[in-house]
Amino acid sequence: MHHVVLEQWSRRASRVHALDPRAKLVVTLLLLIAIATSPALGGAQFAAYAGLLAAVVLAAGLPPGGVALRAGIVLPFAGALAVMNWLAGDVARSVAILLKSYLSVFAALVLVGTTPVARLFAGLERLGAPRSLVLVLQFLYRYLFVISEQAQHMRLAAQSRGALERAPRRTRLRAPASAVAVLFARSYRRAEAVYQAMLARGFAGHVEPVAPLRLAGKDLLAAGAASGAILAIRLGL
């Protein structure tokens, strides 16, 4: 599962991982804006963005193939829009849509893969994001683990009973719909139990990171260097 792999990546140790999340958030936002506003015919710029991201991946010790493969999840969605532009005769725009979408998701994966989620959300909050929005995002991410674990338990139980193998084809087609309903009910009960446990442990509507955030000089220096490189690519310097 993608979120489990990203969680494991974010726990690694490197200079990129050690940077303050606020610096990485600002640089990533600047990169996304630069990619989005680059001209459709800026092939050299897209290659430079890709090279910059590849350098960060190598410096962080992330698997390049794993990041590249997972970034491809956006291609089916961007591909539909690209095909429409292709059929309309705008080939350059269709290619640019694919490149911009892929590089944007790649950059987001690098950010999440080098920053633990708790520190990432803490950085968002320190940068001025609404606390309620950050809290909702935290719960949304964390409950992915609850739902995925419950789904694995249900799948293992069904396989151990051999129910799907013995069932007729018509029943097998209806099984996923029933499984989704059961998964929702069980996950809801599990989420309620988790929330009650959080309240019992003193949860007051705010999640603090284990290690406090400290914006040091090396963070500012790294952010400035990366921002300068992105602006130089965007302006064609």
C-alpha atoms as a PDB file:
ATOM      1  CA  MET A   1       0.000   0.000   0.000  1.00  0.00           C
ATOM      2  CA  HIS A   2       1.330   3.404  -1.000  1.00  0.00           C
ATOM      3  CA  HIS A   3       0.776   5.207   2.306  1.00  0.00           C
ATOM      4  CA  VAL A   4       2.599   2.471   4.254  1.00  0.00           C
ATOM      5  CA  VAL A   5       5.596   2.650   1.909  1.00  0.00           C
ATOM      6  CA  LEU A   6       5.703   6.450   2.140  1.00  0.00           C
ATOM      7  CA  GLU A   7       5.585   6.217   5.918  1.00  0.00           C
ATOM      8  CA  GLN A   8       8.604   3.906   5.861  1.00  0.00           C
ATOM      9  CA  TRP A   9      10.479   6.208   3.483  1.00  0.00           C
ATOM     10  CA  SER A  10       9.840   9.230   5.692  1.00  0.00           C
ATOM     11  CA  ARG A  11      11.500   7.490   8.665  1.00  0.00           C
ATOM     12  CA  ARG A  12      14.862   7.208   6.921  1.00  0.00           C
ATOM     13  CA  ALA A  13      17.835   9.365   7.814  1.00  0.00           C
ATOM     14  CA  SER A  14      19.418  11.834   5.390  1.00  0.00           C
ATOM     15  CA  ARG A  15      20.162  15.529   5.118  1.00  0.00           C
ATOM     16  CA  VAL A  16      16.938  16.022   3.191  1.00  0.00           C
ATOM     17  CA  HIS A  17      14.937  14.219   5.887  1.00  0.00           C
ATOM     18  CA  ALA A  18      16.559  16.364   8.586  1.00  0.00           C
ATOM     19  CA  LEU A  19      15.480  19.668   7.022  1.00  0.00           C
ATOM     20  CA  ASP A  20      12.695  21.611   8.687  1.00  0.00           C
ATOM     21  CA  PRO A  21       9.328  20.745   7.081  1.00  0.00           C
ATOM     22  CA  ARG A  22       8.487  24.419   6.610  1.00  0.00           C
ATOM     23  CA  ALA A  23      11.493  24.872   4.343  1.00  0.00           C
ATOM     24  CA  LYS A  24      10.521  21.804   2.309  1.00  0.00           C
ATOM     25  CA  LEU A  25       6.904  22.917   2.071  1.00  0.00           C
ATOM     26  CA  VAL A  26       7.824  26.359   0.752  1.00  0.00           C
ATOM     27  CA  VAL A  27      10.271  24.944  -1.802  1.00  0.00           C
ATOM     28  CA  THR A  28       7.762  22.328  -2.952  1.00  0.00           C
ATOM     29  CA  LEU A  29       5.049  24.959  -3.363  1.00  0.00           C
ATOM     30  CA  LEU A  30       7.420  27.126  -5.389  1.00  0.00           C
ATOM     31  CA  LEU A  31       8.326  24.149  -7.563  1.00  0.00           C
ATOM     32  CA  LEU A  32       4.664  23.292  -8.178  1.00  0.00           C
ATOM     33  CA  ILE A  33       3.940  26.889  -9.199  1.00  0.00           C
ATOM     34  CA  ALA A  34       6.962  26.915 -11.514  1.00  0.00           C
ATOM     35  CA  ILE A  35       5.903  23.647 -13.151  1.00  0.00           C
ATOM     36  CA  ALA A  36       2.300  24.798 -13.561  1.00  0.00           C
ATOM     37  CA  THR A  37       3.267  28.107 -15.160  1.00  0.00           C
ATOM     38  CA  SER A  38       5.974  26.770 -17.487  1.00  0.00           C
ATOM     39  CA  PRO A  39       5.136  27.075 -21.196  1.00  0.00           C
ATOM     40  CA  ALA A  40       3.871  24.014 -23.023  1.00  0.00           C
ATOM     41  CA  LEU A  41       6.901  23.992 -25.305  1.00  0.00           C
ATOM     42  CA  GLY A  42       9.392  24.266 -22.442  1.00  0.00           C
ATOM     43  CA  GLY A  43      10.877  20.800 -22.870  1.00  0.00           C
ATOM     44  CA  ALA A  44      14.253  21.871 -21.508  1.00  0.00           C
ATOM     45  CA  GLN A  45      12.599  23.303 -18.406  1.00  0.00           C
ATOM     46  CA  PHE A  46      10.702  20.074 -17.720  1.00  0.00           C
ATOM     47  CA  ALA A  47      13.944  18.113 -18.118  1.00  0.00           C
ATOM     48  CA  ALA A  48      15.637  20.457 -15.653  1.00  0.00           C
ATOM     49  CA  TYR A  49      12.806  20.049 -13.138  1.00  0.00           C
ATOM     50  CA  ALA A  50      13.101  16.269 -13.495  1.00  0.00           C
ATOM     51  CA  GLY A  51      16.862  16.470 -12.972  1.00  0.00           C
ATOM     52  CA  LEU A  52      16.412  18.585  -9.856  1.00  0.00           C
ATOM     53  CA  LEU A  53      13.896  16.137  -8.412  1.00  0.00           C
ATOM     54  CA  ALA A  54      16.138  13.191  -9.248  1.00  0.00           C
ATOM     55  CA  ALA A  55      19.015  14.855  -7.394  1.00  0.00           C
ATOM     56  CA  VAL A  56      16.827  15.304  -4.303  1.00  0.00           C
ATOM     57  CA  VAL A  57      15.691  11.669  -4.477  1.00  0.00           C
ATOM     58  CA  LEU A  58      19.288  10.460  -4.614  1.00  0.00           C
ATOM     59  CA  ALA A  59      20.348  12.789  -1.797  1.00  0.00           C
ATOM     60  CA  ALA A  60      17.464  11.521   0.354  1.00  0.00           C
ATOM     61  CA  GLY A  61      18.259   7.865  -0.327  1.00  0.00           C
ATOM     62  CA  LEU A  62      14.810   7.132  -1.741  1.00  0.00           C
ATOM     63  CA  PRO A  63      14.420   4.414  -4.398  1.00  0.00           C
ATOM     64  CA  PRO A  64      14.177   6.292  -7.725  1.00  0.00           C
ATOM     65  CA  GLY A  65      12.219   3.518  -9.387  1.00  0.00           C
ATOM     66  CA  GLY A  66       9.724   3.314  -6.542  1.00  0.00           C
ATOM     67  CA  VAL A  67       9.063   7.052  -6.566  1.00  0.00           C
ATOM     68  CA  ALA A  68       8.830   7.152 -10.372  1.00  0.00           C
ATOM     69  CA  LEU A  69       6.429   4.202 -10.420  1.00  0.00           C
ATOM     70  CA  ARG A  70       4.131   5.631  -7.773  1.00  0.00           C
ATOM     71  CA  ALA A  71       4.067   9.035  -9.451  1.00  0.00           C
ATOM     72  CA  GLY A  72       2.529   7.313 -12.472  1.00  0.00           C
ATOM     73  CA  ILE A  73      -0.738   6.957 -10.563  1.00  0.00           C
ATOM     74  CA  VAL A  74      -1.759  10.345 -11.978  1.00  0.00           C
ATOM     75  CA  LEU A  75      -1.232   9.365 -15.616  1.00  0.00           C
ATOM     76  CA  PRO A  76      -4.630   7.681 -16.205  1.00  0.00           C
ATOM     77  CA  PHE A  77      -6.421  10.816 -14.994  1.00  0.00           C
ATOM     78  CA  ALA A  78      -4.160  13.295 -16.760  1.00  0.00           C
ATOM     79  CA  GLY A  79      -4.116  11.039 -19.813  1.00  0.00           C
ATOM     80  CA  ALA A  80      -7.853  11.491 -20.392  1.00  0.00           C
ATOM     81  CA  LEU A  81      -7.451  15.272 -20.535  1.00  0.00           C
ATOM     82  CA  ALA A  82      -4.324  14.928 -22.663  1.00  0.00           C
ATOM     83  CA  VAL A  83      -6.173  12.756 -25.193  1.00  0.00           C
ATOM     84  CA  MET A  84      -8.913  15.374 -25.491  1.00  0.00           C
ATOM     85  CA  ASN A  85      -6.327  18.057 -26.284  1.00  0.00           C
ATOM     86  CA  TRP A  86      -4.576  15.697 -28.681  1.00  0.00           C
ATOM     87  CA  LEU A  87      -7.805  15.086 -30.595  1.00  0.00           C
ATOM     88  CA  ALA A  88      -8.430  18.834 -30.654  1.00  0.00           C
ATOM     89  CA  GLY A  89      -5.107  19.248 -32.458  1.00  0.00           C
ATOM     90  CA  ASP A  90      -3.117  20.773 -29.578  1.00  0.00           C
ATOM     91  CA  VAL A  91      -0.348  18.181 -29.304  1.00  0.00           C
ATOM     92  CA  ALA A  92       2.040  20.392 -27.344  1.00  0.00           C
ATOM     93  CA  ARG A  93      -0.575  21.085 -24.689  1.00  0.00           C
ATOM     94  CA  SER A  94      -1.454  17.402 -24.327  1.00  0.00           C
ATOM     95  CA  VAL A  95       2.201  16.484 -23.760  1.00  0.00           C
ATOM     96  CA  ALA A  96       2.602  19.375 -21.331  1.00  0.00           C
ATOM     97  CA  ILE A  97      -0.401  18.177 -19.308  1.00  0.00           C
ATOM     98  CA  LEU A  98       1.172  14.749 -18.875  1.00  0.00           C
ATOM     99  CA  LEU A  99       4.573  16.154 -17.957  1.00  0.00           C
ATOM    100  CA  LYS A 100       3.238  18.759 -15.547  1.00  0.00           C
ATOM    101  CA  SER A 101       0.936  16.281 -13.821  1.00  0.00           C
ATOM    102  CA  TYR A 102       3.643  13.657 -13.466  1.00  0.00           C
ATOM    103  CA  LEU A 103       6.313  16.061 -12.188  1.00  0.00           C
ATOM    104  CA  SER A 104       3.869  17.647  -9.728  1.00  0.00           C
ATOM    105  CA  VAL A 105       2.915  14.285  -8.207  1.00  0.00           C
ATOM    106  CA  PHE A 106       6.582  13.283  -8.189  1.00  0.00           C
ATOM    107  CA  ALA A 107       7.443  16.426  -6.204  1.00  0.00           C
ATOM    108  CA  ALA A 108       4.621  15.767  -3.736  1.00  0.00           C
ATOM    109  CA  LEU A 109       5.819  12.188  -3.240  1.00  0.00           C
ATOM    110  CA  VAL A 110       9.353  13.405  -2.558  1.00  0.00           C
ATOM    111  CA  LEU A 111       8.000  15.805   0.068  1.00  0.00           C
ATOM    112  CA  VAL A 112       5.898  13.162   1.826  1.00  0.00           C
ATOM    113  CA  GLY A 113       8.605  10.528   1.443  1.00  0.00           C
ATOM    114  CA  THR A 114      11.183  12.701   3.219  1.00  0.00           C
ATOM    115  CA  THR A 115       8.981  14.182   5.959  1.00  0.00           C
ATOM    116  CA  PRO A 116       7.121  12.235   8.669  1.00  0.00           C
ATOM    117  CA  VAL A 117       3.441  13.064   8.533  1.00  0.00           C
ATOM    118  CA  ALA A 118       3.297  14.527  12.041  1.00  0.00           C
ATOM    119  CA  ARG A 119       6.105  16.984  11.238  1.00  0.00           C
ATOM    120  CA  LEU A 120       4.615  17.748   7.823  1.00  0.00           C
ATOM    121  CA  PHE A 121       1.270  18.735   9.312  1.00  0.00           C
ATOM    122  CA  ALA A 122       2.994  20.666  12.087  1.00  0.00           C
ATOM    123  CA  GLY A 123       4.881  22.591   9.425  1.00  0.00           C
ATOM    124  CA  LEU A 124       1.635  23.349   7.606  1.00  0.00           C
ATOM    125  CA  GLU A 125       0.123  24.691  10.800  1.00  0.00           C
ATOM    126  CA  ARG A 126       3.176  26.835  11.573  1.00  0.00           C
ATOM    127  CA  LEU A 127       2.963  28.306   8.078  1.00  0.00           C
ATOM    128  CA  GLY A 128      -0.553  29.525   8.803  1.00  0.00           C
ATOM    129  CA  ALA A 129      -2.813  26.717   7.578  1.00  0.00           C
ATOM    130  CA  PRO A 130      -6.103  26.552   9.551  1.00  0.00           C
ATOM    131  CA  ARG A 131      -5.743  24.233  12.541  1.00  0.00           C
ATOM    132  CA  SER A 132      -9.113  22.574  11.861  1.00  0.00           C
ATOM    133  CA  LEU A 133      -8.071  21.750   8.290  1.00  0.00           C
ATOM    134  CA  VAL A 134      -4.731  20.330   9.439  1.00  0.00           C
ATOM    135  CA  LEU A 135      -6.493  18.207  12.060  1.00  0.00           C
ATOM    136  CA  VAL A 136      -8.914  16.799   9.471  1.00  0.00           C
ATOM    137  CA  LEU A 137      -6.012  15.932   7.168  1.00  0.00           C
ATOM    138  CA  GLN A 138      -4.208  14.206  10.030  1.00  0.00           C
ATOM    139  CA  PHE A 139      -7.210  12.056  10.840  1.00  0.00           C
ATOM    140  CA  LEU A 140      -7.842  11.307   7.175  1.00  0.00           C
ATOM    141  CA  TYR A 141      -4.296  10.036   6.731  1.00  0.00           C
ATOM    142  CA  ARG A 142      -4.143   8.078   9.977  1.00  0.00           C
ATOM    143  CA  TYR A 143      -7.472   6.350   9.430  1.00  0.00           C
ATOM    144  CA  LEU A 144      -6.203   5.018   6.105  1.00  0.00           C
ATOM    145  CA  PHE A 145      -4.203   2.588   8.210  1.00  0.00           C
ATOM    146  CA  VAL A 146      -7.307   1.581  10.161  1.00  0.00           C
ATOM    147  CA  ILE A 147      -9.298   0.924   6.992  1.00  0.00           C
ATOM    148  CA  SER A 148      -6.479  -0.936   5.239  1.00  0.00           C
ATOM    149  CA  GLU A 149      -5.834  -3.159   8.261  1.00  0.00           C
ATOM    150  CA  GLN A 150      -9.535  -3.972   8.551  1.00  0.00           C
ATOM    151  CA  ALA A 151      -9.696  -4.773   4.830  1.00  0.00           C
ATOM    152  CA  GLN A 152      -6.733  -7.137   5.151  1.00  0.00           C
ATOM    153  CA  HIS A 153      -8.400  -8.943   8.054  1.00  0.00           C
ATOM    154  CA  MET A 154     -11.612  -9.374   6.065  1.00  0.00           C
ATOM    155  CA  ARG A 155      -9.730 -10.617   3.002  1.00  0.00           C
ATOM    156  CA  LEU A 156      -7.765 -13.133   5.061  1.00  0.00           C
ATOM    157  CA  ALA A 157     -10.951 -14.356   6.734  1.00  0.00           C
ATOM    158  CA  ALA A 158     -12.695 -14.822   3.368  1.00  0.00           C
ATOM    159  CA  GLN A 159      -9.725 -16.690   1.922  1.00  0.00           C
ATOM    160  CA  SER A 160      -9.421 -18.979   4.946  1.00  0.00           C
ATOM    161  CA  ARG A 161     -13.092 -19.978   4.586  1.00  0.00           C
ATOM    162  CA  GLY A 162     -12.760 -20.504   0.848  1.00  0.00           C
ATOM    163  CA  ALA A 163     -16.106 -18.808   0.384  1.00  0.00           C
ATOM    164  CA  LEU A 164     -15.362 -17.091  -2.898  1.00  0.00           C
ATOM    165  CA  GLU A 165     -13.923 -20.201  -4.562  1.00  0.00           C
ATOM    166  CA  ARG A 166     -17.028 -22.280  -3.857  1.00  0.00           C
ATOM    167  CA  ALA A 167     -19.533 -19.528  -4.602  1.00  0.00           C
ATOM    168  CA  PRO A 168     -21.194 -19.216  -8.028  1.00  0.00           C
ATOM    169  CA  ARG A 169     -20.018 -16.480 -10.360  1.00  0.00           C
ATOM    170  CA  ARG A 170     -23.039 -14.286  -9.700  1.00  0.00           C
ATOM    171  CA  THR A 171     -22.354 -14.339  -5.970  1.00  0.00           C
ATOM    172  CA  ARG A 172     -18.688 -13.548  -6.492  1.00  0.00           C
ATOM    173  CA  LEU A 173     -19.641 -10.424  -8.423  1.00  0.00           C
ATOM    174  CA  ARG A 174     -21.888  -9.247  -5.582  1.00  0.00           C
ATOM    175  CA  ALA A 175     -19.301  -9.966  -2.897  1.00  0.00           C
ATOM    176  CA  PRO A 176     -17.237  -6.760  -3.316  1.00  0.00           C
ATOM    177  CA  ALA A 177     -20.284  -4.526  -2.755  1.00  0.00           C
ATOM    178  CA  SER A 178     -21.183  -6.368   0.435  1.00  0.00           C
ATOM    179  CA  ALA A 179     -17.565  -6.312   1.574  1.00  0.00           C
ATOM    180  CA  VAL A 180     -17.382  -2.520   1.171  1.00  0.00           C
ATOM    181  CA  ALA A 181     -20.477  -2.068   3.337  1.00  0.00           C
ATOM    182  CA  VAL A 182     -19.111  -4.353   6.049  1.00  0.00           C
ATOM    183  CA  LEU A 183     -15.718  -2.651   5.849  1.00  0.00           C
ATOM    184  CA  PHE A 184     -17.318   0.746   6.347  1.00  0.00           C
ATOM    185  CA  ALA A 185     -19.297  -0.432   9.390  1.00  0.00           C
ATOM    186  CA  ARG A 186     -16.321  -2.134  11.024  1.00  0.00           C
ATOM    187  CA  SER A 187     -13.972   0.754  10.277  1.00  0.00           C
ATOM    188  CA  TYR A 188     -16.470   3.204  11.746  1.00  0.00           C
ATOM    189  CA  ARG A 189     -16.671   1.233  14.987  1.00  0.00           C
ATOM    190  CA  ARG A 190     -12.886   0.929  15.075  1.00  0.00           C
ATOM    191  CA  ALA A 191     -12.488   4.663  14.489  1.00  0.00           C
ATOM    192  CA  GLU A 192     -14.867   5.425  17.351  1.00  0.00           C
ATOM    193  CA  ALA A 193     -12.816   3.200  19.652  1.00  0.00           C
ATOM    194  CA  VAL A 194      -9.608   4.926  18.574  1.00  0.00           C
ATOM    195  CA  TYR A 195     -11.121   8.348  19.193  1.00  0.00           C
ATOM    196  CA  GLN A 196     -12.345   7.363  22.652  1.00  0.00           C
ATOM    197  CA  ALA A 197      -8.867   6.068  23.462  1.00  0.00           C
ATOM    198  CA  MET A 198      -7.386   9.388  22.331  1.00  0.00           C
ATOM    199  CA  LEU A 199      -9.776  11.319  24.576  1.00  0.00           C
ATOM    200  CA  ALA A 200      -8.895   9.060  27.512  1.00  0.00           C
ATOM    201  CA  ARG A 201      -5.228   9.946  26.962  1.00  0.00           C
ATOM    202  CA  GLY A 202      -5.862  13.680  27.062  1.00  0.00           C
ATOM    203  CA  PHE A 203      -6.390  14.577  23.396  1.00  0.00           C
ATOM    204  CA  ALA A 204      -7.597  18.195  23.257  1.00  0.00           C
ATOM    205  CA  GLY A 205      -7.980  18.790  19.529  1.00  0.00           C
ATOM    206  CA  HIS A 206      -4.335  19.318  18.676  1.00  0.00           C
ATOM    207  CA  VAL A 207      -1.528  16.907  17.782  1.00  0.00           C
ATOM    208  CA  GLU A 208       1.990  18.033  18.642  1.00  0.00           C
ATOM    209  CA  PRO A 209       5.020  16.457  16.939  1.00  0.00           C
ATOM    210  CA  VAL A 210       7.331  14.427  19.165  1.00  0.00           C
ATOM    211  CA  ALA A 211      10.311  16.624  18.259  1.00  0.00           C
ATOM    212  CA  PRO A 212       9.657  20.401  18.182  1.00  0.00           C
ATOM    213  CA  LEU A 213      10.291  22.217  14.928  1.00  0.00           C
ATOM    214  CA  ARG A 214      13.405  24.373  14.722  1.00  0.00           C
ATOM    215  CA  LEU A 215      14.137  26.464  11.650  1.00  0.00           C
ATOM    216  CA  ALA A 216      17.933  26.655  11.606  1.00  0.00           C
ATOM    217  CA  GLY A 217      20.361  28.398   9.304  1.00  0.00           C
ATOM    218  CA  LYS A 218      21.029  25.229   7.296  1.00  0.00           C
ATOM    219  CA  ASP A 219      17.312  24.969   6.566  1.00  0.00           C
ATOM    220  CA  LEU A 220      17.180  28.524   5.260  1.00  0.00           C
ATOM    221  CA  LEU A 221      20.343  27.979   3.230  1.00  0.00           C
ATOM    222  CA  ALA A 222      19.008  24.791   1.637  1.00  0.00           C
ATOM    223  CA  ALA A 223      15.636  26.397   0.927  1.00  0.00           C
ATOM    224  CA  GLY A 224      17.304  29.442  -0.599  1.00  0.00           C
ATOM    225  CA  ALA A 225      19.566  27.348  -2.834  1.00  0.00           C
ATOM    226  CA  ALA A 226      16.684  25.169  -4.015  1.00  0.00           C
ATOM    227  CA  SER A 227      14.444  28.180  -4.602  1.00  0.00           C
ATOM    228  CA  GLY A 228      17.180  29.891  -6.576  1.00  0.00           C
ATOM    229  CA  ALA A 229      17.624  26.825  -8.772  1.00  0.00           C
ATOM    230  CA  ILE A 230      13.874  26.603  -9.398  1.00  0.00           C
ATOM    231  CA  LEU A 231      13.608  30.289 -10.320  1.00  0.00           C
ATOM    232  CA  ALA A 232      16.633  30.013 -12.596  1.00  0.00           C
ATOM    233  CA  ILE A 233      15.011  27.091 -14.437  1.00  0.00           C
ATOM    234  CA  ARG A 234      11.657  28.855 -14.688  1.00  0.00           C
ATOM    235  CA  LEU A 235      13.172  32.088 -15.991  1.00  0.00           C
ATOM    236  CA  GLY A 236      15.466  30.234 -18.362  1.00  0.00           C
ATOM    237  CA  LEU A 237      18.674  31.594 -16.858  1.00  0.00           C
END
